[in-house]
Amino acid sequence: MSSTALFLLSALLISAGIAGFFVRKDLLTMLLSGEVALSGANLALLVFATRSSPTEAQAAVIAILTVAAAEVAVALAAIAVAIRDKGKATEDIASEMKG
């Protein structure tokens, strides 16, 4: 696959993730949309890296994915608390949570 096609795919993933994040009100969908955007950014980083230093870029992508996994664990816990307390997990309920 050519670099141009991969850049277009990463731009599509980033834009779809950002659009999904701002359009939807469900917290789980917003979380998944953010992960899609992050995956698009990782893809763009790897395509850039194929021209210079692939090892450093791969290490950066692994670090980014590790941080994203930790973020997802915390966010899913918050979503579980919101569902347990209010019965649903929306953007409005998340803004009411304190702590």
PDB file of N, CA and C in Angstrom:
ATOM      1  N   MET A   1       0.839  -1.166   0.000  1.00  0.00           N
ATOM      2  CA  MET A   1       0.000   0.000   0.000  1.00  0.00           C
ATOM      3  C   MET A   1       0.893   1.241   0.000  1.00  0.00           C
ATOM      4  N   SER A   2       0.525   2.235  -0.741  1.00  0.00           N
ATOM      5  CA  SER A   2       1.365   3.424  -0.855  1.00  0.00           C
ATOM      6  C   SER A   2       1.211   4.329   0.371  1.00  0.00           C
ATOM      7  N   SER A   3       2.195   5.194   0.544  1.00  0.00           N
ATOM      8  CA  SER A   3       2.164   6.127   1.681  1.00  0.00           C
ATOM      9  C   SER A   3       0.977   7.075   1.584  1.00  0.00           C
ATOM     10  N   THR A   4       0.654   7.486   0.371  1.00  0.00           N
ATOM     11  CA  THR A   4      -0.466   8.406   0.196  1.00  0.00           C
ATOM     12  C   THR A   4      -1.781   7.771   0.644  1.00  0.00           C
ATOM     13  N   ALA A   5      -1.973   6.523   0.288  1.00  0.00           N
ATOM     14  CA  ALA A   5      -3.205   5.831   0.685  1.00  0.00           C
ATOM     15  C   ALA A   5      -3.263   5.665   2.200  1.00  0.00           C
ATOM     16  N   LEU A   6      -2.126   5.388   2.811  1.00  0.00           N
ATOM     17  CA  LEU A   6      -2.101   5.241   4.264  1.00  0.00           C
ATOM     18  C   LEU A   6      -2.354   6.576   4.968  1.00  0.00           C
ATOM     19  N   PHE A   7      -1.815   7.669   4.406  1.00  0.00           N
ATOM     20  CA  PHE A   7      -2.092   8.987   4.976  1.00  0.00           C
ATOM     21  C   PHE A   7      -3.570   9.346   4.843  1.00  0.00           C
ATOM     22  N   LEU A   8      -4.162   9.011   3.715  1.00  0.00           N
ATOM     23  CA  LEU A   8      -5.593   9.267   3.546  1.00  0.00           C
ATOM     24  C   LEU A   8      -6.424   8.443   4.527  1.00  0.00           C
ATOM     25  N   LEU A   9      -6.016   7.199   4.727  1.00  0.00           N
ATOM     26  CA  LEU A   9      -6.716   6.354   5.694  1.00  0.00           C
ATOM     27  C   LEU A   9      -6.579   6.913   7.103  1.00  0.00           C
ATOM     28  N   SER A  10      -5.384   7.368   7.465  1.00  0.00           N
ATOM     29  CA  SER A  10      -5.208   7.936   8.803  1.00  0.00           C
ATOM     30  C   SER A  10      -6.005   9.227   8.960  1.00  0.00           C
ATOM     31  N   ALA A  11      -6.057  10.056   7.913  1.00  0.00           N
ATOM     32  CA  ALA A  11      -6.866  11.279   7.984  1.00  0.00           C
ATOM     33  C   ALA A  11      -8.345  10.942   8.121  1.00  0.00           C
ATOM     34  N   LEU A  12      -8.793   9.913   7.431  1.00  0.00           N
ATOM     35  CA  LEU A  12     -10.187   9.476   7.542  1.00  0.00           C
ATOM     36  C   LEU A  12     -10.486   8.976   8.948  1.00  0.00           C
ATOM     37  N   LEU A  13      -9.577   8.199   9.522  1.00  0.00           N
ATOM     38  CA  LEU A  13      -9.779   7.698  10.879  1.00  0.00           C
ATOM     39  C   LEU A  13      -9.810   8.839  11.896  1.00  0.00           C
ATOM     40  N   ILE A  14      -8.897   9.780  11.754  1.00  0.00           N
ATOM     41  CA  ILE A  14      -8.863  10.910  12.682  1.00  0.00           C
ATOM     42  C   ILE A  14     -10.132  11.736  12.572  1.00  0.00           C
ATOM     43  N   SER A  15     -10.542  12.052  11.350  1.00  0.00           N
ATOM     44  CA  SER A  15     -11.741  12.883  11.188  1.00  0.00           C
ATOM     45  C   SER A  15     -13.005  12.144  11.635  1.00  0.00           C
ATOM     46  N   ALA A  16     -13.096  10.845  11.376  1.00  0.00           N
ATOM     47  CA  ALA A  16     -14.254  10.079  11.835  1.00  0.00           C
ATOM     48  C   ALA A  16     -14.287  10.001  13.358  1.00  0.00           C
ATOM     49  N   GLY A  17     -13.130   9.840  13.972  1.00  0.00           N
ATOM     50  CA  GLY A  17     -13.067   9.795  15.429  1.00  0.00           C
ATOM     51  C   GLY A  17     -13.465  11.111  16.063  1.00  0.00           C
ATOM     52  N   ILE A  18     -12.974  12.210  15.514  1.00  0.00           N
ATOM     53  CA  ILE A  18     -13.311  13.529  16.052  1.00  0.00           C
ATOM     54  C   ILE A  18     -14.795  13.828  15.849  1.00  0.00           C
ATOM     55  N   ALA A  19     -15.299  13.510  14.673  1.00  0.00           N
ATOM     56  CA  ALA A  19     -16.722  13.740  14.408  1.00  0.00           C
ATOM     57  C   ALA A  19     -17.592  12.896  15.339  1.00  0.00           C
ATOM     58  N   GLY A  20     -17.236  11.640  15.520  1.00  0.00           N
ATOM     59  CA  GLY A  20     -18.002  10.780  16.413  1.00  0.00           C
ATOM     60  C   GLY A  20     -17.954  11.250  17.850  1.00  0.00           C
ATOM     61  N   PHE A  21     -16.827  11.809  18.259  1.00  0.00           N
ATOM     62  CA  PHE A  21     -16.691  12.298  19.621  1.00  0.00           C
ATOM     63  C   PHE A  21     -17.614  13.480  19.884  1.00  0.00           C
ATOM     64  N   PHE A  22     -17.705  14.399  18.926  1.00  0.00           N
ATOM     65  CA  PHE A  22     -18.499  15.601  19.145  1.00  0.00           C
ATOM     66  C   PHE A  22     -19.978  15.431  18.804  1.00  0.00           C
ATOM     67  N   VAL A  23     -20.319  14.444  17.999  1.00  0.00           N
ATOM     68  CA  VAL A  23     -21.713  14.267  17.597  1.00  0.00           C
ATOM     69  C   VAL A  23     -22.492  13.441  18.618  1.00  0.00           C
ATOM     70  N   ARG A  24     -21.881  12.405  19.153  1.00  0.00           N
ATOM     71  CA  ARG A  24     -22.581  11.492  20.050  1.00  0.00           C
ATOM     72  C   ARG A  24     -22.571  11.996  21.483  1.00  0.00           C
ATOM     73  N   LYS A  25     -23.568  11.592  22.268  1.00  0.00           N
ATOM     74  CA  LYS A  25     -23.646  11.987  23.676  1.00  0.00           C
ATOM     75  C   LYS A  25     -23.376  10.823  24.620  1.00  0.00           C
ATOM     76  N   ASP A  26     -23.370   9.609  24.112  1.00  0.00           N
ATOM     77  CA  ASP A  26     -23.123   8.428  24.929  1.00  0.00           C
ATOM     78  C   ASP A  26     -21.631   8.346  25.253  1.00  0.00           C
ATOM     79  N   LEU A  27     -21.289   8.140  26.523  1.00  0.00           N
ATOM     80  CA  LEU A  27     -19.884   8.159  26.932  1.00  0.00           C
ATOM     81  C   LEU A  27     -19.074   7.034  26.299  1.00  0.00           C
ATOM     82  N   LEU A  28     -19.665   5.863  26.178  1.00  0.00           N
ATOM     83  CA  LEU A  28     -18.928   4.744  25.595  1.00  0.00           C
ATOM     84  C   LEU A  28     -18.612   5.002  24.126  1.00  0.00           C
ATOM     85  N   THR A  29     -19.553   5.552  23.397  1.00  0.00           N
ATOM     86  CA  THR A  29     -19.321   5.892  21.988  1.00  0.00           C
ATOM     87  C   THR A  29     -18.283   6.995  21.856  1.00  0.00           C
ATOM     88  N   MET A  30     -18.319   7.953  22.769  1.00  0.00           N
ATOM     89  CA  MET A  30     -17.315   9.015  22.754  1.00  0.00           C
ATOM     90  C   MET A  30     -15.924   8.443  23.022  1.00  0.00           C
ATOM     91  N   LEU A  31     -15.839   7.503  23.944  1.00  0.00           N
ATOM     92  CA  LEU A  31     -14.564   6.863  24.246  1.00  0.00           C
ATOM     93  C   LEU A  31     -14.038   6.087  23.046  1.00  0.00           C
ATOM     94  N   LEU A  32     -14.908   5.333  22.400  1.00  0.00           N
ATOM     95  CA  LEU A  32     -14.494   4.579  21.218  1.00  0.00           C
ATOM     96  C   LEU A  32     -14.090   5.497  20.068  1.00  0.00           C
ATOM     97  N   SER A  33     -14.781   6.613  19.915  1.00  0.00           N
ATOM     98  CA  SER A  33     -14.429   7.569  18.866  1.00  0.00           C
ATOM     99  C   SER A  33     -13.063   8.181  19.122  1.00  0.00           C
ATOM    100  N   GLY A  34     -12.772   8.465  20.372  1.00  0.00           N
ATOM    101  CA  GLY A  34     -11.445   8.975  20.713  1.00  0.00           C
ATOM    102  C   GLY A  34     -10.355   7.964  20.418  1.00  0.00           C
ATOM    103  N   GLU A  35     -10.636   6.707  20.667  1.00  0.00           N
ATOM    104  CA  GLU A  35      -9.654   5.658  20.362  1.00  0.00           C
ATOM    105  C   GLU A  35      -9.447   5.505  18.857  1.00  0.00           C
ATOM    106  N   VAL A  36     -10.492   5.674  18.073  1.00  0.00           N
ATOM    107  CA  VAL A  36     -10.358   5.613  16.613  1.00  0.00           C
ATOM    108  C   VAL A  36      -9.472   6.756  16.124  1.00  0.00           C
ATOM    109  N   ALA A  37      -9.683   7.953  16.668  1.00  0.00           N
ATOM    110  CA  ALA A  37      -8.856   9.101  16.285  1.00  0.00           C
ATOM    111  C   ALA A  37      -7.399   8.869  16.686  1.00  0.00           C
ATOM    112  N   LEU A  38      -7.190   8.307  17.859  1.00  0.00           N
ATOM    113  CA  LEU A  38      -5.827   8.015  18.308  1.00  0.00           C
ATOM    114  C   LEU A  38      -5.167   6.960  17.427  1.00  0.00           C
ATOM    115  N   SER A  39      -5.917   5.973  16.982  1.00  0.00           N
ATOM    116  CA  SER A  39      -5.369   4.957  16.079  1.00  0.00           C
ATOM    117  C   SER A  39      -4.978   5.561  14.735  1.00  0.00           C
ATOM    118  N   GLY A  40      -5.769   6.506  14.252  1.00  0.00           N
ATOM    119  CA  GLY A  40      -5.410   7.205  13.014  1.00  0.00           C
ATOM    120  C   GLY A  40      -4.132   8.001  13.165  1.00  0.00           C
ATOM    121  N   ALA A  41      -3.958   8.644  14.311  1.00  0.00           N
ATOM    122  CA  ALA A  41      -2.720   9.390  14.560  1.00  0.00           C
ATOM    123  C   ALA A  41      -1.526   8.449  14.654  1.00  0.00           C
ATOM    124  N   ASN A  42      -1.713   7.290  15.275  1.00  0.00           N
ATOM    125  CA  ASN A  42      -0.632   6.302  15.339  1.00  0.00           C
ATOM    126  C   ASN A  42      -0.264   5.789  13.953  1.00  0.00           C
ATOM    127  N   LEU A  43      -1.255   5.573  13.115  1.00  0.00           N
ATOM    128  CA  LEU A  43      -0.984   5.130  11.754  1.00  0.00           C
ATOM    129  C   LEU A  43      -0.177   6.174  10.991  1.00  0.00           C
ATOM    130  N   ALA A  44      -0.552   7.441  11.129  1.00  0.00           N
ATOM    131  CA  ALA A  44       0.203   8.509  10.462  1.00  0.00           C
ATOM    132  C   ALA A  44       1.634   8.570  10.979  1.00  0.00           C
ATOM    133  N   LEU A  45       1.805   8.396  12.284  1.00  0.00           N
ATOM    134  CA  LEU A  45       3.149   8.393  12.859  1.00  0.00           C
ATOM    135  C   LEU A  45       3.993   7.256  12.304  1.00  0.00           C
ATOM    136  N   LEU A  46       3.409   6.084  12.167  1.00  0.00           N
ATOM    137  CA  LEU A  46       4.160   4.958  11.624  1.00  0.00           C
ATOM    138  C   LEU A  46       4.506   5.151  10.151  1.00  0.00           C
ATOM    139  N   VAL A  47       3.607   5.764   9.388  1.00  0.00           N
ATOM    140  CA  VAL A  47       3.901   6.009   7.975  1.00  0.00           C
ATOM    141  C   VAL A  47       5.036   7.023   7.845  1.00  0.00           C
ATOM    142  N   PHE A  48       5.014   8.068   8.676  1.00  0.00           N
ATOM    143  CA  PHE A  48       6.122   9.024   8.675  1.00  0.00           C
ATOM    144  C   PHE A  48       7.425   8.330   9.037  1.00  0.00           C
ATOM    145  N   ALA A  49       7.359   7.401   9.966  1.00  0.00           N
ATOM    146  CA  ALA A  49       8.565   6.758  10.475  1.00  0.00           C
ATOM    147  C   ALA A  49       9.205   5.804   9.487  1.00  0.00           C
ATOM    148  N   THR A  50       8.459   5.319   8.539  1.00  0.00           N
ATOM    149  CA  THR A  50       9.060   4.394   7.575  1.00  0.00           C
ATOM    150  C   THR A  50      10.135   5.069   6.742  1.00  0.00           C
ATOM    151  N   ARG A  51      10.114   6.396   6.724  1.00  0.00           N
ATOM    152  CA  ARG A  51      11.113   7.123   5.942  1.00  0.00           C
ATOM    153  C   ARG A  51      12.340   7.507   6.742  1.00  0.00           C
ATOM    154  N   SER A  52      12.272   7.472   8.074  1.00  0.00           N
ATOM    155  CA  SER A  52      13.424   7.908   8.864  1.00  0.00           C
ATOM    156  C   SER A  52      13.867   6.835   9.858  1.00  0.00           C
ATOM    157  N   SER A  53      13.288   6.813  11.027  1.00  0.00           N
ATOM    158  CA  SER A  53      13.713   5.888  12.081  1.00  0.00           C
ATOM    159  C   SER A  53      12.533   5.055  12.553  1.00  0.00           C
ATOM    160  N   PRO A  54      12.331   3.889  11.962  1.00  0.00           N
ATOM    161  CA  PRO A  54      11.149   3.100  12.313  1.00  0.00           C
ATOM    162  C   PRO A  54      11.163   2.582  13.750  1.00  0.00           C
ATOM    163  N   THR A  55      12.341   2.315  14.312  1.00  0.00           N
ATOM    164  CA  THR A  55      12.392   1.768  15.668  1.00  0.00           C
ATOM    165  C   THR A  55      11.895   2.781  16.695  1.00  0.00           C
ATOM    166  N   GLU A  56      12.313   4.032  16.564  1.00  0.00           N
ATOM    167  CA  GLU A  56      11.875   5.054  17.509  1.00  0.00           C
ATOM    168  C   GLU A  56      10.377   5.316  17.388  1.00  0.00           C
ATOM    169  N   ALA A  57       9.865   5.326  16.185  1.00  0.00           N
ATOM    170  CA  ALA A  57       8.436   5.558  15.998  1.00  0.00           C
ATOM    171  C   ALA A  57       7.615   4.392  16.540  1.00  0.00           C
ATOM    172  N   GLN A  58       8.103   3.185  16.344  1.00  0.00           N
ATOM    173  CA  GLN A  58       7.391   2.032  16.883  1.00  0.00           C
ATOM    174  C   GLN A  58       7.371   2.073  18.407  1.00  0.00           C
ATOM    175  N   ALA A  59       8.462   2.508  19.006  1.00  0.00           N
ATOM    176  CA  ALA A  59       8.493   2.648  20.461  1.00  0.00           C
ATOM    177  C   ALA A  59       7.508   3.729  20.923  1.00  0.00           C
ATOM    178  N   ALA A  60       7.422   4.818  20.170  1.00  0.00           N
ATOM    179  CA  ALA A  60       6.475   5.883  20.511  1.00  0.00           C
ATOM    180  C   ALA A  60       5.044   5.385  20.400  1.00  0.00           C
ATOM    181  N   VAL A  61       4.747   4.618  19.367  1.00  0.00           N
ATOM    182  CA  VAL A  61       3.396   4.082  19.191  1.00  0.00           C
ATOM    183  C   VAL A  61       3.047   3.125  20.325  1.00  0.00           C
ATOM    184  N   ILE A  62       3.986   2.304  20.740  1.00  0.00           N
ATOM    185  CA  ILE A  62       3.729   1.389  21.853  1.00  0.00           C
ATOM    186  C   ILE A  62       3.476   2.173  23.134  1.00  0.00           C
ATOM    187  N   ALA A  63       4.223   3.247  23.354  1.00  0.00           N
ATOM    188  CA  ALA A  63       4.002   4.082  24.537  1.00  0.00           C
ATOM    189  C   ALA A  63       2.625   4.746  24.474  1.00  0.00           C
ATOM    190  N   ILE A  64       2.246   5.231  23.308  1.00  0.00           N
ATOM    191  CA  ILE A  64       0.933   5.858  23.148  1.00  0.00           C
ATOM    192  C   ILE A  64      -0.178   4.846  23.390  1.00  0.00           C
ATOM    193  N   LEU A  65      -0.031   3.646  22.872  1.00  0.00           N
ATOM    194  CA  LEU A  65      -1.053   2.616  23.084  1.00  0.00           C
ATOM    195  C   LEU A  65      -1.139   2.203  24.543  1.00  0.00           C
ATOM    196  N   THR A  66      -0.011   2.202  25.240  1.00  0.00           N
ATOM    197  CA  THR A  66      -0.023   1.873  26.665  1.00  0.00           C
ATOM    198  C   THR A  66      -0.782   2.922  27.463  1.00  0.00           C
ATOM    199  N   VAL A  67      -0.532   4.186  27.167  1.00  0.00           N
ATOM    200  CA  VAL A  67      -1.251   5.265  27.844  1.00  0.00           C
ATOM    201  C   VAL A  67      -2.738   5.213  27.492  1.00  0.00           C
ATOM    202  N   ALA A  68      -3.049   4.900  26.242  1.00  0.00           N
ATOM    203  CA  ALA A  68      -4.451   4.803  25.829  1.00  0.00           C
ATOM    204  C   ALA A  68      -5.161   3.656  26.558  1.00  0.00           C
ATOM    205  N   ALA A  69      -4.466   2.553  26.770  1.00  0.00           N
ATOM    206  CA  ALA A  69      -5.070   1.438  27.495  1.00  0.00           C
ATOM    207  C   ALA A  69      -5.365   1.819  28.944  1.00  0.00           C
ATOM    208  N   ALA A  70      -4.460   2.562  29.567  1.00  0.00           N
ATOM    209  CA  ALA A  70      -4.702   3.023  30.931  1.00  0.00           C
ATOM    210  C   ALA A  70      -5.877   4.001  30.963  1.00  0.00           C
ATOM    211  N   GLU A  71      -5.943   4.864  29.960  1.00  0.00           N
ATOM    212  CA  GLU A  71      -7.059   5.822  29.865  1.00  0.00           C
ATOM    213  C   GLU A  71      -8.387   5.087  29.729  1.00  0.00           C
ATOM    214  N   VAL A  72      -8.419   4.060  28.924  1.00  0.00           N
ATOM    215  CA  VAL A  72      -9.650   3.295  28.717  1.00  0.00           C
ATOM    216  C   VAL A  72     -10.070   2.603  30.013  1.00  0.00           C
ATOM    217  N   ALA A  73      -9.115   2.084  30.767  1.00  0.00           N
ATOM    218  CA  ALA A  73      -9.454   1.418  32.024  1.00  0.00           C
ATOM    219  C   ALA A  73     -10.105   2.392  32.998  1.00  0.00           C
ATOM    220  N   VAL A  74      -9.549   3.583  33.111  1.00  0.00           N
ATOM    221  CA  VAL A  74     -10.124   4.588  34.015  1.00  0.00           C
ATOM    222  C   VAL A  74     -11.486   5.052  33.499  1.00  0.00           C
ATOM    223  N   ALA A  75     -11.594   5.288  32.209  1.00  0.00           N
ATOM    224  CA  ALA A  75     -12.859   5.765  31.640  1.00  0.00           C
ATOM    225  C   ALA A  75     -13.958   4.711  31.775  1.00  0.00           C
ATOM    226  N   LEU A  76     -13.630   3.449  31.549  1.00  0.00           N
ATOM    227  CA  LEU A  76     -14.646   2.402  31.700  1.00  0.00           C
ATOM    228  C   LEU A  76     -15.107   2.270  33.148  1.00  0.00           C
ATOM    229  N   ALA A  77     -14.198   2.480  34.091  1.00  0.00           N
ATOM    230  CA  ALA A  77     -14.601   2.463  35.497  1.00  0.00           C
ATOM    231  C   ALA A  77     -15.560   3.617  35.793  1.00  0.00           C
ATOM    232  N   ALA A  78     -15.259   4.791  35.255  1.00  0.00           N
ATOM    233  CA  ALA A  78     -16.148   5.940  35.457  1.00  0.00           C
ATOM    234  C   ALA A  78     -17.502   5.710  34.797  1.00  0.00           C
ATOM    235  N   ILE A  79     -17.502   5.107  33.634  1.00  0.00           N
ATOM    236  CA  ILE A  79     -18.759   4.806  32.944  1.00  0.00           C
ATOM    237  C   ILE A  79     -19.571   3.793  33.746  1.00  0.00           C
ATOM    238  N   ALA A  80     -18.892   2.784  34.312  1.00  0.00           N
ATOM    239  CA  ALA A  80     -19.588   1.788  35.117  1.00  0.00           C
ATOM    240  C   ALA A  80     -20.222   2.424  36.348  1.00  0.00           C
ATOM    241  N   VAL A  81     -19.525   3.367  36.975  1.00  0.00           N
ATOM    242  CA  VAL A  81     -20.087   4.068  38.137  1.00  0.00           C
ATOM    243  C   VAL A  81     -21.291   4.904  37.717  1.00  0.00           C
ATOM    244  N   ALA A  82     -21.200   5.581  36.578  1.00  0.00           N
ATOM    245  CA  ALA A  82     -22.316   6.408  36.108  1.00  0.00           C
ATOM    246  C   ALA A  82     -23.531   5.547  35.803  1.00  0.00           C
ATOM    247  N   ILE A  83     -23.322   4.401  35.199  1.00  0.00           N
ATOM    248  CA  ILE A  83     -24.442   3.515  34.889  1.00  0.00           C
ATOM    249  C   ILE A  83     -25.050   2.951  36.166  1.00  0.00           C
ATOM    250  N   ARG A  84     -24.201   2.597  37.117  1.00  0.00           N
ATOM    251  CA  ARG A  84     -24.706   2.062  38.386  1.00  0.00           C
ATOM    252  C   ARG A  84     -25.525   3.101  39.151  1.00  0.00           C
ATOM    253  N   ASP A  85     -25.048   4.340  39.165  1.00  0.00           N
ATOM    254  CA  ASP A  85     -25.736   5.375  39.943  1.00  0.00           C
ATOM    255  C   ASP A  85     -26.955   5.949  39.233  1.00  0.00           C
ATOM    256  N   LYS A  86     -26.840   6.224  37.944  1.00  0.00           N
ATOM    257  CA  LYS A  86     -27.905   6.934  37.228  1.00  0.00           C
ATOM    258  C   LYS A  86     -28.683   6.064  36.244  1.00  0.00           C
ATOM    259  N   GLY A  87     -28.167   4.883  35.915  1.00  0.00           N
ATOM    260  CA  GLY A  87     -28.858   4.018  34.973  1.00  0.00           C
ATOM    261  C   GLY A  87     -28.472   4.240  33.527  1.00  0.00           C
ATOM    262  N   LYS A  88     -27.716   5.277  33.261  1.00  0.00           N
ATOM    263  CA  LYS A  88     -27.241   5.537  31.899  1.00  0.00           C
ATOM    264  C   LYS A  88     -25.951   6.338  31.995  1.00  0.00           C
ATOM    265  N   ALA A  89     -25.229   6.379  30.898  1.00  0.00           N
ATOM    266  CA  ALA A  89     -23.959   7.098  30.873  1.00  0.00           C
ATOM    267  C   ALA A  89     -23.963   8.061  29.695  1.00  0.00           C
ATOM    268  N   THR A  90     -24.284   9.311  29.972  1.00  0.00           N
ATOM    269  CA  THR A  90     -24.277  10.335  28.937  1.00  0.00           C
ATOM    270  C   THR A  90     -23.325  11.449  29.335  1.00  0.00           C
ATOM    271  N   GLU A  91     -23.130  12.360  28.417  1.00  0.00           N
ATOM    272  CA  GLU A  91     -22.232  13.490  28.645  1.00  0.00           C
ATOM    273  C   GLU A  91     -22.711  14.357  29.809  1.00  0.00           C
ATOM    274  N   ASP A  92     -24.016  14.538  29.923  1.00  0.00           N
ATOM    275  CA  ASP A  92     -24.571  15.352  30.999  1.00  0.00           C
ATOM    276  C   ASP A  92     -24.317  14.742  32.371  1.00  0.00           C
ATOM    277  N   ILE A  93     -24.438  13.433  32.470  1.00  0.00           N
ATOM    278  CA  ILE A  93     -24.205  12.747  33.746  1.00  0.00           C
ATOM    279  C   ILE A  93     -22.731  12.822  34.115  1.00  0.00           C
ATOM    280  N   ALA A  94     -21.849  12.737  33.130  1.00  0.00           N
ATOM    281  CA  ALA A  94     -20.417  12.809  33.406  1.00  0.00           C
ATOM    282  C   ALA A  94     -20.031  14.185  33.956  1.00  0.00           C
ATOM    283  N   SER A  95     -20.680  15.222  33.491  1.00  0.00           N
ATOM    284  CA  SER A  95     -20.367  16.557  33.994  1.00  0.00           C
ATOM    285  C   SER A  95     -20.872  16.755  35.424  1.00  0.00           C
ATOM    286  N   GLU A  96     -21.850  15.958  35.852  1.00  0.00           N
ATOM    287  CA  GLU A  96     -22.367  16.038  37.218  1.00  0.00           C
ATOM    288  C   GLU A  96     -21.494  15.288  38.215  1.00  0.00           C
ATOM    289  N   MET A  97     -20.664  14.369  37.725  1.00  0.00           N
ATOM    290  CA  MET A  97     -19.850  13.555  38.637  1.00  0.00           C
ATOM    291  C   MET A  97     -18.778  14.423  39.287  1.00  0.00           C
ATOM    292  N   LYS A  98     -18.557  14.192  40.555  1.00  0.00           N
ATOM    293  CA  LYS A  98     -17.546  14.945  41.302  1.00  0.00           C
ATOM    294  C   LYS A  98     -16.585  13.963  41.956  1.00  0.00           C
ATOM    295  N   GLY A  99     -15.359  14.436  42.176  1.00  0.00           N
ATOM    296  CA  GLY A  99     -14.430  13.589  42.895  1.00  0.00           C
ATOM    297  C   GLY A  99     -13.120  13.477  42.327  1.00  0.00           C
TER     298      GLY A  99
END
